Amino acid sequence: MLIHINPENPQQRLVNQVVDVLRDGGVIAYPTDTYYGIGCDIMNKKAIQRVYQLKNRDKKKPFSFICSDLKNISDYAKVTNYAYKTMKRLLPGPYTFILDGSKQVPKMMLTNRKTAGIRVPDHAICQALVKTLGNPILSTSATAPDGTVFGDPSFIQDHFGNRIDIVIDGGPAPGDPSSVIDLTGDIPEVIREGRGDVGIFE
């Protein structure tokens, strides 16, 4: 099902409709400040397994997830003072931060090092979904197995069909990846340079 949600001012009635699907173990496609993402409730193991199958991804490679704000991040990750100050300056924005996961994060969402990739996109629809759901949402780009990026929600709908329960049309997404910054050590490490400015880490 393709539904249109206003990217500037998401209609709560439609957000509630999507969240009901997430709570029932559904998989959705949604716009972010980088790519269109595919996601589900990170507390639903069966839904996460569906996303692994969709993406044909190795179970040893966990997905990142979206929180609504910095306070929400501190529920799911261990945040040092330095990490907090860094993220406060850059979020919401097109960054994925690698942090040590807390006990609230399901094991299948953590790496062997017990770290998690966490995002707070600068996108009203993402934030409304997480706040309404009350849990983070899994985040992986809406791409085909060959790496083709779907920038148009109708293409996502055509490609995945009923394997995705709801595709949110929130207008165009930039189509560039997030910058990935590892904040688990004493010195931040830029893992991938993407949309977000990483100049402050050099």
N, C-alpha and C. Protein backbone atom coordinates (compact mmCIF):
# COMPACT_ATOMS: atom_id res chain seq x y z
N MET A 1 0.84 -1.19 0.00
CA MET A 1 0.00 0.00 0.00
C MET A 1 0.88 1.25 0.00
N LEU A 2 0.59 2.18 -0.89
CA LEU A 2 1.34 3.44 -0.98
C LEU A 2 0.51 4.53 -0.35
N ILE A 3 1.05 5.22 0.66
CA ILE A 3 0.31 6.33 1.24
C ILE A 3 1.15 7.60 1.22
N HIS A 4 0.49 8.72 0.98
CA HIS A 4 1.17 10.01 0.90
C HIS A 4 1.10 10.70 2.27
N ILE A 5 2.28 11.06 2.79
CA ILE A 5 2.34 11.79 4.07
C ILE A 5 3.13 13.07 3.82
N ASN A 6 2.64 14.17 4.37
CA ASN A 6 3.29 15.47 4.19
C ASN A 6 4.67 15.45 4.89
N PRO A 7 5.77 15.68 4.13
CA PRO A 7 7.10 15.58 4.73
C PRO A 7 7.43 16.73 5.70
N GLU A 8 6.72 17.84 5.57
CA GLU A 8 6.98 18.98 6.47
C GLU A 8 6.12 18.89 7.73
N ASN A 9 4.90 18.46 7.54
CA ASN A 9 3.94 18.44 8.64
C ASN A 9 3.13 17.14 8.57
N PRO A 10 3.74 16.02 9.01
CA PRO A 10 3.09 14.71 8.84
C PRO A 10 1.72 14.66 9.53
N GLN A 11 0.72 14.16 8.80
CA GLN A 11 -0.62 14.03 9.37
C GLN A 11 -0.62 12.89 10.39
N GLN A 12 -0.95 13.22 11.65
CA GLN A 12 -0.86 12.24 12.73
C GLN A 12 -1.75 11.03 12.46
N ARG A 13 -2.90 11.25 11.83
CA ARG A 13 -3.82 10.14 11.52
C ARG A 13 -3.12 9.09 10.65
N LEU A 14 -2.34 9.58 9.66
CA LEU A 14 -1.64 8.66 8.76
C LEU A 14 -0.43 8.03 9.45
N VAL A 15 0.25 8.82 10.29
CA VAL A 15 1.38 8.28 11.07
C VAL A 15 0.88 7.14 11.96
N ASN A 16 -0.28 7.36 12.60
CA ASN A 16 -0.87 6.31 13.47
C ASN A 16 -1.15 5.03 12.68
N GLN A 17 -1.63 5.22 11.45
CA GLN A 17 -1.94 4.07 10.58
C GLN A 17 -0.67 3.25 10.31
N VAL A 18 0.44 3.94 10.02
CA VAL A 18 1.71 3.26 9.76
C VAL A 18 2.22 2.58 11.03
N VAL A 19 2.11 3.27 12.15
CA VAL A 19 2.59 2.72 13.42
C VAL A 19 1.80 1.47 13.82
N ASP A 20 0.51 1.44 13.52
CA ASP A 20 -0.28 0.22 13.79
C ASP A 20 0.30 -0.97 13.02
N VAL A 21 0.72 -0.72 11.78
CA VAL A 21 1.32 -1.77 10.95
C VAL A 21 2.66 -2.20 11.55
N LEU A 22 3.47 -1.24 12.01
CA LEU A 22 4.76 -1.57 12.64
C LEU A 22 4.54 -2.42 13.89
N ARG A 23 3.55 -2.05 14.69
CA ARG A 23 3.28 -2.80 15.92
C ARG A 23 2.83 -4.22 15.64
N ASP A 24 2.22 -4.41 14.47
CA ASP A 24 1.77 -5.76 14.08
C ASP A 24 2.86 -6.56 13.38
N GLY A 25 4.11 -6.05 13.43
CA GLY A 25 5.21 -6.77 12.80
C GLY A 25 5.39 -6.46 11.33
N GLY A 26 4.83 -5.33 10.90
CA GLY A 26 4.93 -4.95 9.48
C GLY A 26 6.27 -4.35 9.11
N VAL A 27 6.52 -4.36 7.81
CA VAL A 27 7.74 -3.74 7.24
C VAL A 27 7.29 -2.57 6.37
N ILE A 28 7.99 -1.44 6.52
CA ILE A 28 7.59 -0.24 5.78
C ILE A 28 8.79 0.33 5.01
N ALA A 29 8.48 1.17 4.02
CA ALA A 29 9.50 1.98 3.35
C ALA A 29 9.15 3.43 3.65
N TYR A 30 10.15 4.25 3.93
CA TYR A 30 9.89 5.61 4.39
C TYR A 30 11.02 6.54 3.95
N PRO A 31 10.72 7.84 3.79
CA PRO A 31 11.76 8.78 3.38
C PRO A 31 12.63 9.20 4.55
N THR A 32 13.92 9.47 4.27
CA THR A 32 14.81 10.04 5.29
C THR A 32 15.54 11.22 4.65
N ASP A 33 16.51 11.76 5.37
CA ASP A 33 17.30 12.89 4.83
C ASP A 33 18.47 12.39 3.98
N THR A 34 18.50 11.08 3.70
CA THR A 34 19.54 10.52 2.81
C THR A 34 18.86 9.72 1.70
N TYR A 35 18.53 8.45 1.97
CA TYR A 35 17.82 7.60 1.03
C TYR A 35 16.40 7.35 1.54
N TYR A 36 15.59 6.70 0.70
CA TYR A 36 14.40 6.05 1.24
C TYR A 36 14.89 4.85 2.04
N GLY A 37 14.27 4.63 3.18
CA GLY A 37 14.69 3.53 4.03
C GLY A 37 13.64 2.43 4.07
N ILE A 38 14.09 1.23 4.46
CA ILE A 38 13.19 0.12 4.75
C ILE A 38 13.35 -0.15 6.25
N GLY A 39 12.24 -0.34 6.93
CA GLY A 39 12.37 -0.52 8.37
C GLY A 39 11.21 -1.27 9.00
N CYS A 40 11.39 -1.52 10.31
CA CYS A 40 10.37 -2.18 11.12
C CYS A 40 10.67 -1.81 12.57
N ASP A 41 9.84 -2.26 13.47
CA ASP A 41 10.06 -2.06 14.91
C ASP A 41 11.26 -2.92 15.33
N ILE A 42 12.29 -2.32 15.95
CA ILE A 42 13.48 -3.13 16.31
C ILE A 42 13.19 -4.12 17.44
N MET A 43 12.02 -4.03 18.06
CA MET A 43 11.68 -4.98 19.12
C MET A 43 10.95 -6.21 18.57
N ASN A 44 10.74 -6.24 17.25
CA ASN A 44 10.00 -7.37 16.66
C ASN A 44 10.95 -8.24 15.84
N LYS A 45 11.32 -9.38 16.43
CA LYS A 45 12.32 -10.25 15.82
C LYS A 45 11.89 -10.78 14.45
N LYS A 46 10.62 -11.16 14.32
CA LYS A 46 10.15 -11.70 13.04
C LYS A 46 10.20 -10.63 11.94
N ALA A 47 9.86 -9.39 12.31
CA ALA A 47 9.88 -8.30 11.34
C ALA A 47 11.32 -8.04 10.89
N ILE A 48 12.27 -8.09 11.83
CA ILE A 48 13.69 -7.90 11.48
C ILE A 48 14.14 -8.99 10.52
N GLN A 49 13.72 -10.22 10.78
CA GLN A 49 14.10 -11.34 9.89
C GLN A 49 13.53 -11.13 8.49
N ARG A 50 12.34 -10.55 8.41
CA ARG A 50 11.76 -10.25 7.09
C ARG A 50 12.65 -9.25 6.33
N VAL A 51 13.16 -8.25 7.06
CA VAL A 51 14.01 -7.24 6.39
C VAL A 51 15.32 -7.89 5.93
N TYR A 52 15.89 -8.79 6.74
CA TYR A 52 17.10 -9.52 6.32
C TYR A 52 16.85 -10.27 5.01
N GLN A 53 15.69 -10.90 4.91
CA GLN A 53 15.37 -11.64 3.68
C GLN A 53 15.19 -10.68 2.50
N LEU A 54 14.49 -9.58 2.75
CA LEU A 54 14.28 -8.58 1.69
C LEU A 54 15.60 -8.09 1.11
N LYS A 55 16.54 -7.83 2.02
CA LYS A 55 17.83 -7.25 1.62
C LYS A 55 18.87 -8.31 1.28
N ASN A 56 18.51 -9.60 1.48
CA ASN A 56 19.44 -10.70 1.21
C ASN A 56 20.76 -10.45 1.93
N ARG A 57 20.67 -10.18 3.21
CA ARG A 57 21.82 -9.73 3.99
C ARG A 57 22.26 -10.77 5.00
N ASP A 58 23.56 -10.82 5.22
CA ASP A 58 24.16 -11.73 6.19
C ASP A 58 23.66 -11.37 7.60
N LYS A 59 23.19 -12.40 8.33
CA LYS A 59 22.65 -12.16 9.69
C LYS A 59 23.70 -11.62 10.64
N LYS A 60 24.98 -11.76 10.27
CA LYS A 60 26.05 -11.27 11.16
C LYS A 60 26.27 -9.77 10.99
N LYS A 61 25.57 -9.16 10.03
CA LYS A 61 25.72 -7.72 9.81
C LYS A 61 24.45 -7.00 10.27
N PRO A 62 24.45 -6.47 11.48
CA PRO A 62 23.23 -5.83 11.98
C PRO A 62 22.91 -4.54 11.21
N PHE A 63 21.64 -4.19 11.23
CA PHE A 63 21.21 -2.93 10.64
C PHE A 63 21.34 -1.81 11.67
N SER A 64 21.38 -0.58 11.17
CA SER A 64 21.32 0.56 12.10
C SER A 64 19.86 0.86 12.41
N PHE A 65 19.63 1.78 13.33
CA PHE A 65 18.24 2.13 13.64
C PHE A 65 18.10 3.61 13.94
N ILE A 66 16.85 4.06 13.87
CA ILE A 66 16.53 5.48 14.00
C ILE A 66 15.93 5.76 15.37
N CYS A 67 16.48 6.77 16.04
CA CYS A 67 15.89 7.29 17.28
C CYS A 67 15.26 8.65 16.96
N SER A 68 14.44 9.14 17.89
CA SER A 68 13.74 10.40 17.62
C SER A 68 14.57 11.62 17.99
N ASP A 69 15.46 11.48 18.98
CA ASP A 69 16.27 12.62 19.42
C ASP A 69 17.41 12.10 20.31
N LEU A 70 18.21 13.04 20.81
CA LEU A 70 19.37 12.66 21.63
C LEU A 70 18.97 11.93 22.91
N LYS A 71 17.91 12.39 23.55
CA LYS A 71 17.47 11.74 24.80
C LYS A 71 17.09 10.29 24.50
N ASN A 72 16.43 10.07 23.38
CA ASN A 72 16.03 8.73 22.95
C ASN A 72 17.27 7.86 22.72
N ILE A 73 18.33 8.44 22.12
CA ILE A 73 19.57 7.68 21.89
C ILE A 73 20.13 7.16 23.20
N SER A 74 20.10 8.00 24.26
CA SER A 74 20.72 7.61 25.54
C SER A 74 19.99 6.43 26.20
N ASP A 75 18.76 6.14 25.74
CA ASP A 75 18.06 4.94 26.23
C ASP A 75 18.65 3.67 25.62
N TYR A 76 19.23 3.80 24.42
CA TYR A 76 19.65 2.62 23.66
C TYR A 76 21.15 2.51 23.47
N ALA A 77 21.90 3.50 23.94
CA ALA A 77 23.36 3.46 23.78
C ALA A 77 24.04 4.12 24.96
N LYS A 78 25.29 3.72 25.17
CA LYS A 78 26.10 4.37 26.21
C LYS A 78 26.72 5.61 25.57
N VAL A 79 26.37 6.77 26.10
CA VAL A 79 26.79 8.03 25.49
C VAL A 79 27.74 8.76 26.43
N THR A 80 29.01 8.90 25.99
CA THR A 80 29.98 9.66 26.79
C THR A 80 29.67 11.16 26.65
N ASN A 81 30.30 11.95 27.50
CA ASN A 81 30.12 13.41 27.42
C ASN A 81 30.55 13.92 26.05
N TYR A 82 31.69 13.38 25.57
CA TYR A 82 32.19 13.83 24.26
C TYR A 82 31.20 13.47 23.16
N ALA A 83 30.70 12.22 23.21
CA ALA A 83 29.75 11.77 22.18
C ALA A 83 28.49 12.62 22.23
N TYR A 84 28.04 12.94 23.44
CA TYR A 84 26.82 13.75 23.59
C TYR A 84 27.01 15.13 22.95
N LYS A 85 28.13 15.77 23.27
CA LYS A 85 28.39 17.11 22.71
C LYS A 85 28.49 17.07 21.19
N THR A 86 29.15 16.03 20.68
CA THR A 86 29.31 15.89 19.23
C THR A 86 27.96 15.71 18.55
N MET A 87 27.16 14.80 19.10
CA MET A 87 25.87 14.53 18.48
C MET A 87 24.92 15.71 18.63
N LYS A 88 25.02 16.42 19.74
CA LYS A 88 24.14 17.58 19.94
C LYS A 88 24.38 18.62 18.86
N ARG A 89 25.64 18.71 18.43
CA ARG A 89 25.98 19.70 17.41
C ARG A 89 25.50 19.28 16.01
N LEU A 90 25.42 17.98 15.78
CA LEU A 90 25.17 17.50 14.41
C LEU A 90 23.77 16.92 14.17
N LEU A 91 23.05 16.64 15.23
CA LEU A 91 21.73 16.00 15.06
C LEU A 91 20.58 16.95 15.33
N PRO A 92 19.44 16.79 14.66
CA PRO A 92 19.21 15.79 13.61
C PRO A 92 19.99 16.10 12.34
N GLY A 93 20.39 15.06 11.63
CA GLY A 93 21.17 15.26 10.42
C GLY A 93 21.57 13.95 9.78
N PRO A 94 22.27 14.02 8.63
CA PRO A 94 22.58 12.81 7.84
C PRO A 94 23.81 12.06 8.33
N TYR A 95 23.76 11.64 9.60
CA TYR A 95 24.88 10.92 10.21
C TYR A 95 24.39 9.61 10.82
N THR A 96 25.26 8.60 10.78
CA THR A 96 25.05 7.37 11.54
C THR A 96 26.19 7.31 12.55
N PHE A 97 25.85 7.23 13.84
CA PHE A 97 26.89 7.16 14.87
C PHE A 97 26.98 5.74 15.41
N ILE A 98 28.22 5.21 15.44
CA ILE A 98 28.46 3.89 16.04
C ILE A 98 28.71 4.12 17.53
N LEU A 99 27.88 3.49 18.35
CA LEU A 99 27.97 3.65 19.81
C LEU A 99 27.87 2.28 20.46
N ASP A 100 28.32 2.19 21.71
CA ASP A 100 28.13 0.95 22.47
C ASP A 100 26.65 0.83 22.82
N GLY A 101 26.04 -0.29 22.44
CA GLY A 101 24.61 -0.47 22.68
C GLY A 101 24.30 -0.75 24.14
N SER A 102 23.10 -0.35 24.56
CA SER A 102 22.67 -0.64 25.93
C SER A 102 21.93 -1.98 25.95
N LYS A 103 21.52 -2.38 27.16
CA LYS A 103 20.82 -3.67 27.29
C LYS A 103 19.43 -3.63 26.66
N GLN A 104 18.94 -2.43 26.35
CA GLN A 104 17.60 -2.30 25.75
C GLN A 104 17.59 -2.72 24.28
N VAL A 105 18.78 -2.79 23.67
CA VAL A 105 18.85 -3.11 22.24
C VAL A 105 18.82 -4.63 22.06
N PRO A 106 17.90 -5.14 21.24
CA PRO A 106 17.88 -6.59 20.99
C PRO A 106 19.23 -7.07 20.45
N LYS A 107 19.63 -8.28 20.85
CA LYS A 107 20.96 -8.80 20.47
C LYS A 107 21.18 -8.80 18.97
N MET A 108 20.12 -9.09 18.20
CA MET A 108 20.30 -9.19 16.76
C MET A 108 20.53 -7.82 16.10
N MET A 109 20.39 -6.75 16.88
CA MET A 109 20.66 -5.41 16.35
C MET A 109 22.06 -4.92 16.73
N LEU A 110 22.82 -5.78 17.43
CA LEU A 110 24.17 -5.40 17.87
C LEU A 110 25.23 -6.18 17.10
N THR A 111 26.40 -5.55 16.92
CA THR A 111 27.53 -6.25 16.31
C THR A 111 28.16 -7.16 17.36
N ASN A 112 29.17 -7.93 16.94
CA ASN A 112 29.91 -8.78 17.90
C ASN A 112 30.57 -7.94 18.98
N ARG A 113 30.89 -6.70 18.64
CA ARG A 113 31.52 -5.79 19.62
C ARG A 113 30.47 -5.12 20.50
N LYS A 114 29.21 -5.53 20.34
CA LYS A 114 28.09 -4.96 21.12
C LYS A 114 27.87 -3.48 20.81
N THR A 115 28.17 -3.10 19.55
CA THR A 115 27.92 -1.72 19.14
C THR A 115 26.68 -1.67 18.25
N ALA A 116 26.16 -0.45 18.10
CA ALA A 116 24.97 -0.24 17.27
C ALA A 116 25.16 1.03 16.45
N GLY A 117 24.60 1.02 15.25
CA GLY A 117 24.59 2.22 14.42
C GLY A 117 23.27 2.95 14.63
N ILE A 118 23.36 4.21 15.03
CA ILE A 118 22.15 4.96 15.41
C ILE A 118 22.04 6.25 14.61
N ARG A 119 20.83 6.55 14.13
CA ARG A 119 20.57 7.75 13.35
C ARG A 119 19.45 8.58 13.96
N VAL A 120 19.51 9.90 13.77
CA VAL A 120 18.37 10.78 14.02
C VAL A 120 18.25 11.65 12.77
N PRO A 121 17.52 11.17 11.75
CA PRO A 121 17.45 11.92 10.50
C PRO A 121 16.74 13.26 10.68
N ASP A 122 17.15 14.21 9.87
CA ASP A 122 16.49 15.51 9.85
C ASP A 122 15.28 15.39 8.93
N HIS A 123 14.30 14.62 9.38
CA HIS A 123 13.12 14.38 8.57
C HIS A 123 11.92 14.18 9.49
N ALA A 124 10.90 15.01 9.30
CA ALA A 124 9.75 15.02 10.22
C ALA A 124 9.01 13.70 10.24
N ILE A 125 8.93 13.00 9.10
CA ILE A 125 8.19 11.73 9.07
C ILE A 125 8.89 10.68 9.95
N CYS A 126 10.22 10.57 9.81
CA CYS A 126 10.98 9.61 10.65
C CYS A 126 10.75 9.89 12.12
N GLN A 127 10.88 11.15 12.49
CA GLN A 127 10.77 11.50 13.91
C GLN A 127 9.36 11.23 14.44
N ALA A 128 8.34 11.53 13.61
CA ALA A 128 6.96 11.28 14.04
C ALA A 128 6.70 9.79 14.22
N LEU A 129 7.25 8.96 13.33
CA LEU A 129 7.05 7.51 13.43
C LEU A 129 7.65 6.95 14.72
N VAL A 130 8.90 7.35 15.02
CA VAL A 130 9.58 6.81 16.21
C VAL A 130 8.90 7.30 17.49
N LYS A 131 8.54 8.59 17.51
CA LYS A 131 7.88 9.12 18.72
C LYS A 131 6.55 8.43 18.96
N THR A 132 5.78 8.20 17.89
CA THR A 132 4.46 7.58 18.04
C THR A 132 4.59 6.10 18.40
N LEU A 133 5.54 5.41 17.78
CA LEU A 133 5.75 3.98 18.07
C LEU A 133 6.27 3.78 19.49
N GLY A 134 7.17 4.67 19.92
CA GLY A 134 7.77 4.52 21.25
C GLY A 134 9.02 3.67 21.27
N ASN A 135 9.41 3.13 20.09
CA ASN A 135 10.65 2.34 19.94
C ASN A 135 11.40 2.85 18.73
N PRO A 136 12.71 2.61 18.66
CA PRO A 136 13.41 2.92 17.42
C PRO A 136 12.91 2.05 16.26
N ILE A 137 13.20 2.53 15.06
CA ILE A 137 12.83 1.82 13.83
C ILE A 137 14.11 1.42 13.11
N LEU A 138 14.15 0.17 12.66
CA LEU A 138 15.29 -0.32 11.87
C LEU A 138 15.48 0.56 10.64
N SER A 139 16.73 0.75 10.25
CA SER A 139 17.02 1.62 9.10
C SER A 139 18.00 0.94 8.15
N THR A 140 17.55 0.71 6.92
CA THR A 140 18.45 0.25 5.87
C THR A 140 17.94 0.86 4.56
N SER A 141 18.85 1.14 3.65
CA SER A 141 18.42 1.83 2.44
C SER A 141 17.56 0.94 1.56
N ALA A 142 16.60 1.56 0.87
CA ALA A 142 15.70 0.83 -0.03
C ALA A 142 16.42 0.59 -1.35
N THR A 143 17.18 -0.50 -1.38
CA THR A 143 17.95 -0.83 -2.58
C THR A 143 17.65 -2.26 -3.01
N ALA A 144 17.87 -2.51 -4.29
CA ALA A 144 17.75 -3.87 -4.82
C ALA A 144 19.02 -4.64 -4.49
N PRO A 145 19.01 -5.98 -4.58
CA PRO A 145 20.21 -6.77 -4.28
C PRO A 145 21.43 -6.36 -5.10
N ASP A 146 21.22 -5.82 -6.31
CA ASP A 146 22.37 -5.40 -7.13
C ASP A 146 22.87 -4.01 -6.77
N GLY A 147 22.27 -3.41 -5.73
CA GLY A 147 22.73 -2.09 -5.28
C GLY A 147 21.96 -0.92 -5.88
N THR A 148 21.02 -1.19 -6.79
CA THR A 148 20.21 -0.11 -7.37
C THR A 148 19.44 0.60 -6.26
N VAL A 149 19.57 1.93 -6.21
CA VAL A 149 18.88 2.73 -5.19
C VAL A 149 17.55 3.20 -5.75
N PHE A 150 16.49 2.97 -5.00
CA PHE A 150 15.17 3.44 -5.43
C PHE A 150 14.88 4.79 -4.80
N GLY A 151 14.91 5.84 -5.62
CA GLY A 151 14.65 7.18 -5.10
C GLY A 151 13.19 7.56 -5.15
N ASP A 152 12.42 6.79 -5.90
CA ASP A 152 11.00 7.10 -6.09
C ASP A 152 10.17 6.04 -5.37
N PRO A 153 9.26 6.46 -4.46
CA PRO A 153 8.49 5.47 -3.70
C PRO A 153 7.67 4.52 -4.57
N SER A 154 7.21 4.99 -5.74
CA SER A 154 6.42 4.09 -6.58
C SER A 154 7.28 2.95 -7.14
N PHE A 155 8.59 3.21 -7.36
CA PHE A 155 9.50 2.15 -7.80
C PHE A 155 9.70 1.12 -6.68
N ILE A 156 9.76 1.63 -5.44
CA ILE A 156 9.91 0.72 -4.29
C ILE A 156 8.69 -0.20 -4.22
N GLN A 157 7.52 0.40 -4.39
CA GLN A 157 6.27 -0.37 -4.37
C GLN A 157 6.28 -1.42 -5.47
N ASP A 158 6.70 -1.03 -6.68
CA ASP A 158 6.71 -1.96 -7.82
C ASP A 158 7.70 -3.09 -7.61
N HIS A 159 8.89 -2.74 -7.06
CA HIS A 159 9.95 -3.74 -6.91
C HIS A 159 9.63 -4.75 -5.81
N PHE A 160 9.22 -4.27 -4.66
CA PHE A 160 9.03 -5.17 -3.50
C PHE A 160 7.62 -5.73 -3.40
N GLY A 161 6.66 -5.03 -4.01
CA GLY A 161 5.27 -5.52 -3.98
C GLY A 161 4.78 -5.76 -2.57
N ASN A 162 4.12 -6.92 -2.35
CA ASN A 162 3.52 -7.17 -1.03
C ASN A 162 4.54 -7.64 0.01
N ARG A 163 5.82 -7.64 -0.34
CA ARG A 163 6.84 -7.95 0.68
C ARG A 163 7.04 -6.77 1.64
N ILE A 164 6.59 -5.59 1.22
CA ILE A 164 6.58 -4.42 2.10
C ILE A 164 5.12 -4.04 2.32
N ASP A 165 4.74 -3.84 3.58
CA ASP A 165 3.33 -3.62 3.90
C ASP A 165 2.85 -2.21 3.56
N ILE A 166 3.69 -1.22 3.83
CA ILE A 166 3.32 0.17 3.51
C ILE A 166 4.54 0.88 2.94
N VAL A 167 4.35 1.59 1.84
CA VAL A 167 5.38 2.50 1.31
C VAL A 167 4.86 3.91 1.53
N ILE A 168 5.63 4.71 2.26
CA ILE A 168 5.25 6.10 2.50
C ILE A 168 5.84 6.97 1.40
N ASP A 169 4.98 7.70 0.72
CA ASP A 169 5.46 8.68 -0.25
C ASP A 169 5.56 10.02 0.48
N GLY A 170 6.79 10.42 0.76
CA GLY A 170 7.03 11.70 1.42
C GLY A 170 7.84 12.62 0.54
N GLY A 171 7.69 12.47 -0.77
CA GLY A 171 8.46 13.31 -1.69
C GLY A 171 9.84 12.74 -1.94
N PRO A 172 10.66 13.46 -2.73
CA PRO A 172 11.98 12.94 -3.08
C PRO A 172 12.95 12.91 -1.90
N ALA A 173 13.87 11.95 -1.92
CA ALA A 173 14.96 11.88 -0.93
C ALA A 173 16.25 12.24 -1.67
N PRO A 174 17.25 12.81 -0.96
CA PRO A 174 18.48 13.26 -1.62
C PRO A 174 19.22 12.18 -2.40
N GLY A 175 19.21 10.92 -1.89
CA GLY A 175 19.86 9.83 -2.63
C GLY A 175 21.34 9.71 -2.38
N ASP A 176 21.82 10.24 -1.26
CA ASP A 176 23.22 10.08 -0.86
C ASP A 176 23.25 9.41 0.50
N PRO A 177 24.29 8.61 0.79
CA PRO A 177 24.34 7.92 2.09
C PRO A 177 24.69 8.88 3.22
N SER A 178 24.43 8.43 4.45
CA SER A 178 24.83 9.20 5.63
C SER A 178 26.33 9.05 5.85
N SER A 179 26.91 10.01 6.56
CA SER A 179 28.29 9.84 7.03
C SER A 179 28.25 8.96 8.27
N VAL A 180 29.20 8.02 8.35
CA VAL A 180 29.24 7.09 9.50
C VAL A 180 30.45 7.43 10.37
N ILE A 181 30.17 7.72 11.65
CA ILE A 181 31.21 8.12 12.60
C ILE A 181 31.21 7.17 13.79
N ASP A 182 32.36 6.57 14.08
CA ASP A 182 32.49 5.68 15.23
C ASP A 182 32.88 6.51 16.45
N LEU A 183 32.00 6.52 17.46
CA LEU A 183 32.26 7.29 18.68
C LEU A 183 32.51 6.37 19.88
N THR A 184 32.91 5.13 19.61
CA THR A 184 33.10 4.19 20.73
C THR A 184 34.46 4.37 21.41
N GLY A 185 35.43 4.91 20.69
CA GLY A 185 36.77 5.08 21.27
C GLY A 185 36.99 6.50 21.76
N ASP A 186 38.22 6.77 22.16
CA ASP A 186 38.57 8.11 22.65
C ASP A 186 38.63 9.12 21.52
N ILE A 187 38.95 8.62 20.31
CA ILE A 187 39.06 9.51 19.15
C ILE A 187 38.01 9.09 18.13
N PRO A 188 37.18 10.03 17.66
CA PRO A 188 36.17 9.66 16.67
C PRO A 188 36.81 9.19 15.37
N GLU A 189 36.20 8.18 14.77
CA GLU A 189 36.74 7.64 13.52
C GLU A 189 35.68 7.74 12.43
N VAL A 190 36.05 8.38 11.32
CA VAL A 190 35.12 8.49 10.19
C VAL A 190 35.19 7.19 9.39
N ILE A 191 34.10 6.41 9.42
CA ILE A 191 34.06 5.13 8.72
C ILE A 191 33.65 5.34 7.26
N ARG A 192 32.73 6.28 7.04
CA ARG A 192 32.28 6.57 5.68
C ARG A 192 31.92 8.05 5.59
N GLU A 193 32.40 8.68 4.53
CA GLU A 193 32.05 10.09 4.32
C GLU A 193 30.85 10.14 3.38
N GLY A 194 29.75 10.70 3.86
CA GLY A 194 28.53 10.80 3.07
C GLY A 194 28.02 12.22 3.05
N ARG A 195 26.71 12.37 3.21
CA ARG A 195 26.10 13.69 3.12
C ARG A 195 26.57 14.63 4.22
N GLY A 196 26.68 14.15 5.44
CA GLY A 196 27.04 15.03 6.54
C GLY A 196 28.49 15.49 6.48
N ASP A 197 28.72 16.73 6.88
CA ASP A 197 30.09 17.28 6.90
C ASP A 197 30.91 16.58 7.99
N VAL A 198 32.05 16.02 7.62
CA VAL A 198 32.90 15.34 8.60
C VAL A 198 34.16 16.15 8.91
N GLY A 199 34.18 17.39 8.44
CA GLY A 199 35.35 18.24 8.63
C GLY A 199 35.75 18.45 10.08
N ILE A 200 34.74 18.43 10.98
CA ILE A 200 35.05 18.67 12.40
C ILE A 200 35.85 17.52 13.01
N PHE A 201 35.91 16.37 12.33
CA PHE A 201 36.63 15.22 12.88
C PHE A 201 38.05 15.11 12.34
N GLU A 202 38.45 16.04 11.46
CA GLU A 202 39.78 15.94 10.85
C GLU A 202 40.81 16.75 11.61
